[in-house]
Protein backbone atom coordinates (compact mmCIF):
# COMPACT_ATOMS: atom_id res chain seq x y z
CA MET A 1 104.74 115.63 81.26
CA GLN A 2 103.24 113.83 78.27
CA ASP A 3 104.20 110.42 79.71
CA ARG A 4 102.99 111.40 83.17
CA ILE A 5 99.56 112.31 81.77
CA ARG A 6 99.37 109.18 79.63
CA LEU A 7 100.31 106.86 82.50
CA ALA A 8 97.78 108.53 84.80
CA LEU A 9 95.01 108.10 82.24
CA GLU A 10 95.99 104.47 81.70
CA GLN A 11 95.67 103.93 85.45
CA ASP A 12 92.24 105.59 85.33
CA LEU A 13 91.26 103.07 82.65
CA ARG A 14 92.56 100.12 84.68
CA SER A 15 90.83 101.23 87.86
CA GLY A 16 87.52 101.93 86.16
CA ALA A 17 87.64 105.66 86.90
CA LEU A 18 87.21 106.06 83.13
CA GLN A 19 84.46 103.86 81.72
CA PRO A 20 83.81 102.93 78.06
CA GLY A 21 81.93 105.74 76.35
CA SER A 22 82.74 108.36 79.00
CA SER A 23 83.91 111.73 77.71
CA ILE A 24 87.34 113.22 78.33
CA ASP A 25 87.68 116.97 78.82
CA GLU A 26 91.00 118.36 77.58
CA HIS A 27 90.59 121.58 79.58
CA ALA A 28 89.95 119.60 82.77
CA LEU A 29 93.09 117.54 82.12
CA CYS A 30 95.15 120.71 81.69
CA GLU A 31 93.94 121.89 85.09
CA ARG A 32 94.41 118.48 86.71
CA PHE A 33 98.05 118.19 85.63
CA GLN A 34 98.85 121.91 85.59
CA ALA A 35 99.95 121.49 81.98
CA SER A 36 99.53 123.28 78.69
CA ARG A 37 97.31 121.87 75.95
CA THR A 38 100.27 120.45 73.96
CA PRO A 39 101.38 117.61 76.31
CA VAL A 40 97.73 116.79 77.07
CA ARG A 41 96.93 116.51 73.36
CA GLU A 42 100.09 114.42 72.73
CA ALA A 43 99.14 112.00 75.54
CA LEU A 44 95.63 111.68 74.13
CA LEU A 45 96.97 111.03 70.63
CA LEU A 46 99.16 108.21 72.01
CA LEU A 47 96.17 106.63 73.74
CA SER A 48 94.17 107.00 70.53
CA ALA A 49 96.94 105.23 68.59
CA LYS A 50 96.72 102.37 71.13
CA GLY A 51 92.98 102.13 70.53
CA MET A 52 92.11 103.18 74.07
CA ILE A 53 90.23 106.37 73.23
CA SER A 54 88.40 107.82 70.24
CA ILE A 55 88.97 111.39 69.08
CA LEU A 56 85.91 112.31 67.04
CA PRO A 57 85.84 115.57 65.05
CA ARG A 58 83.03 117.88 66.21
CA ALA A 59 81.96 115.25 68.77
CA GLY A 60 84.73 115.20 71.40
CA ILE A 61 87.05 112.68 73.01
CA TYR A 62 85.69 109.46 74.51
CA VAL A 63 86.93 106.23 76.03
CA ARG A 64 86.60 103.77 73.17
CA GLN A 65 83.64 101.41 73.22
CA LEU A 66 84.36 97.91 71.91
CA ASP A 67 81.65 95.81 70.39
CA THR A 68 81.21 92.24 71.61
CA ARG A 69 83.10 90.70 68.68
CA GLU A 70 86.13 92.94 69.29
CA LEU A 71 86.06 92.20 73.00
CA ILE A 72 85.90 88.44 72.53
CA ALA A 73 88.71 88.58 69.93
CA MET A 74 90.92 90.55 72.32
CA MET A 75 90.24 88.13 75.18
CA GLU A 76 91.19 85.21 72.92
CA GLY A 77 94.45 86.94 72.06
CA LEU A 78 95.11 87.77 75.72
CA ALA A 79 94.53 84.13 76.70
CA GLU A 80 97.22 82.99 74.26
CA LEU A 81 99.70 85.65 75.38
CA GLU A 82 99.15 84.89 79.06
CA GLY A 83 99.57 81.20 78.29
CA VAL A 84 102.99 81.85 76.73
CA VAL A 85 104.03 83.93 79.75
CA ALA A 86 102.95 81.16 82.16
CA ARG A 87 104.84 78.54 80.12
CA LEU A 88 108.04 80.62 80.30
CA ALA A 89 107.55 81.28 84.01
CA ALA A 90 107.36 77.53 84.71
CA HIS A 91 110.80 77.20 83.06
CA ARG A 92 112.49 80.25 84.57
CA ILE A 93 111.01 81.03 87.98
CA ASN A 94 113.59 81.12 90.79
CA GLY A 95 113.30 80.31 94.48
CA GLU A 96 112.64 83.86 95.64
CA GLN A 97 109.94 84.35 92.99
CA LYS A 98 108.27 81.09 94.04
CA GLY A 99 107.92 82.42 97.58
CA LEU A 100 106.46 85.70 96.36
CA LEU A 101 104.04 83.89 94.06
CA LEU A 102 102.76 81.68 96.89
CA ALA A 103 102.28 84.74 99.09
CA ALA A 104 100.36 86.48 96.31
CA LEU A 105 98.15 83.40 95.89
CA GLN A 106 97.36 83.40 99.60
CA GLN A 107 96.45 87.08 99.38
CA THR A 108 93.99 86.56 96.51
CA GLY A 109 92.58 83.60 98.43
CA ARG A 110 91.81 85.74 101.49
CA HIS A 111 90.05 88.38 99.42
CA ALA A 112 88.07 85.76 97.49
CA ALA A 113 86.93 84.14 100.77
CA ASN A 114 85.84 87.57 102.05
CA ALA A 115 84.07 88.40 98.75
CA ASP A 116 86.12 91.61 98.60
CA SER A 117 86.08 92.33 94.87
CA VAL A 118 88.02 95.61 95.09
CA GLU A 119 90.97 94.16 96.99
CA TYR A 120 90.80 90.92 95.00
CA GLU A 121 91.19 92.83 91.75
CA LYS A 122 94.30 94.59 93.10
CA ALA A 123 95.80 91.33 94.38
CA ASN A 124 94.91 89.62 91.09
CA ALA A 125 96.93 92.22 89.18
CA GLY A 126 99.86 91.68 91.55
CA LEU A 127 99.78 87.91 91.10
CA HIS A 128 99.78 88.18 87.31
CA ASP A 129 102.59 90.74 87.51
CA LEU A 130 104.75 88.25 89.44
CA ILE A 131 104.16 85.65 86.74
CA TYR A 132 105.19 88.23 84.13
CA GLN A 133 108.40 88.97 86.03
CA SER A 134 109.14 85.25 86.34
CA SER A 135 108.84 84.72 82.58
CA GLY A 136 112.04 86.62 81.83
CA ASN A 137 110.72 87.82 78.45
CA ALA A 138 110.20 91.58 78.48
CA TYR A 139 108.94 91.70 74.89
CA ILE A 140 106.07 89.24 75.37
CA VAL A 141 105.23 90.82 78.73
CA GLU A 142 104.94 94.22 77.04
CA GLN A 143 102.52 92.80 74.45
CA THR A 144 100.51 91.13 77.21
CA ARG A 145 100.27 94.31 79.25
CA GLU A 146 99.05 96.21 76.19
CA ALA A 147 96.37 93.60 75.57
CA ARG A 148 95.26 93.71 79.21
CA LEU A 149 95.06 97.50 79.05
CA ARG A 150 92.77 97.35 76.01
CA VAL A 151 90.18 95.28 77.90
CA ALA A 152 90.77 96.86 81.33
CA PRO A 153 87.78 99.27 81.19
CA TYR A 154 85.47 96.27 80.75
CA ARG A 155 86.93 94.11 83.52
CA GLY A 156 86.07 96.37 86.46
CA LYS A 157 82.73 94.75 87.30
CA MET A 158 83.73 91.20 86.43
CA PHE A 159 84.62 90.30 90.03
CA GLU A 160 81.48 91.73 91.61
CA LYS A 161 79.85 88.28 91.77
CA PRO A 162 81.27 86.23 94.70
CA GLU A 163 81.07 82.99 92.69
CA ARG A 164 83.39 84.47 90.03
CA LEU A 165 85.91 85.36 92.73
CA LEU A 166 85.99 81.78 94.00
CA LYS A 167 86.26 80.34 90.49
CA SER A 168 89.03 82.77 89.62
CA GLN A 169 90.92 81.78 92.78
CA ALA A 170 90.61 78.07 91.92
CA GLU A 171 91.98 78.84 88.45
CA HIS A 172 94.87 80.78 90.02
CA GLU A 173 95.71 77.80 92.20
CA ALA A 174 95.94 75.54 89.16
CA VAL A 175 98.20 78.01 87.34
CA VAL A 176 100.50 78.60 90.29
CA GLN A 177 100.83 74.90 91.13
CA ALA A 178 101.80 74.08 87.55
CA ILE A 179 104.41 76.86 87.55
CA LEU A 180 105.86 75.70 90.87
CA ASP A 181 105.98 72.12 89.54
CA GLY A 182 107.90 73.31 86.48
CA ASP A 183 105.22 71.85 84.18
CA SER A 184 105.26 74.39 81.36
CA GLU A 185 102.50 72.86 79.22
CA ARG A 186 100.14 72.44 82.16
CA ALA A 187 100.89 76.01 83.26
CA ALA A 188 100.09 77.36 79.79
CA GLU A 189 96.85 75.38 79.55
CA ALA A 190 95.75 76.40 83.05
CA MET A 191 96.42 80.06 82.28
CA ARG A 192 94.57 79.91 78.95
CA ASN A 193 91.61 78.32 80.73
CA HIS A 194 91.74 81.03 83.41
CA ILE A 195 91.71 83.92 80.93
CA SER A 196 89.13 82.21 78.71
CA ALA A 197 86.81 81.70 81.70
CA GLY A 198 87.16 85.38 82.54
CA GLY A 199 86.47 86.23 78.92
CA ARG A 200 83.24 84.23 78.94
CA ALA A 201 82.14 85.95 82.15
CA LEU A 202 83.01 89.29 80.60
CA ALA A 203 81.12 88.54 77.39
CA ASP A 204 78.05 87.50 79.39
CA MET A 205 78.22 90.75 81.34
CA VAL A 206 78.54 92.85 78.17
CA LEU A 207 75.74 91.02 76.35
CA THR A 208 73.30 91.50 79.23
CA ALA A 209 74.22 95.16 79.83
CA PRO A 210 72.19 98.04 78.34
CA ALA A 211 73.25 99.00 74.80
CA PRO A 212 75.91 101.74 74.81
CA GLN A 213 74.89 105.22 73.74
CA ILE A 214 75.83 105.98 70.16
CA ILE A 215 77.97 109.10 69.99
CA GLN A 216 76.97 111.41 67.16
CA PRO A 217 79.04 114.31 65.80
CA ARG A 218 77.82 117.70 66.88
CA ARG A 219 75.98 119.56 64.16
CA LYS A 220 76.92 123.12 63.42
CA LYS A 221 74.16 125.63 63.96
CA ARG A 222 72.93 127.17 60.77
CA LYS A 223 72.82 130.92 60.53
CA ALA A 224 69.38 132.45 60.13
CA PRO A 225 68.64 133.87 56.63
CA GLY A 226 69.75 137.43 56.14
CA ARG A 227 72.47 137.30 58.79
């Protein structure tokens, strides 16, 4: 039950159902999953340990808000991890995986041409997942997935601009072609450029957005004199 709750909340973070700074109601989670408070609290503690949520005494539980420096640092780290994965995929991808990767690229291309940001984001995740599978290194893939999850709440609106969709698709084409050619260094560089470009778009979006609300601990009410 604990893992089921955690995985569901992680999916909420990826999909944008939970946004940075939004509150999380333990009681509502208990009702949603028909669970007692213990597995809900354990799932929340695991997400807190991953840095996904903040549990603030006397203030509540919130999706963690990253400042711009943290966000840029995480995107830099993600770019390097994704680059390693792409390099390994260029070495290890097999014939069946090549066919699946080409099909995934065509799918993202259709959604980019139609300016369908919702479907593009789903197809984008599928394309990256195929590259992960092709790398053959479960350990690095796990680290990469964790890094992507940390920035997922901020990526939801990144594809809303049609020009970003088209640029992202062009970057995908460069990555996929390098992997299919077996050129590991070119694949790594193309992937780093792809993630870095997304990071710059994300930073621009964060910097121009309204400042997040500062969450303050709740103050205890003082008893009136004589009571």
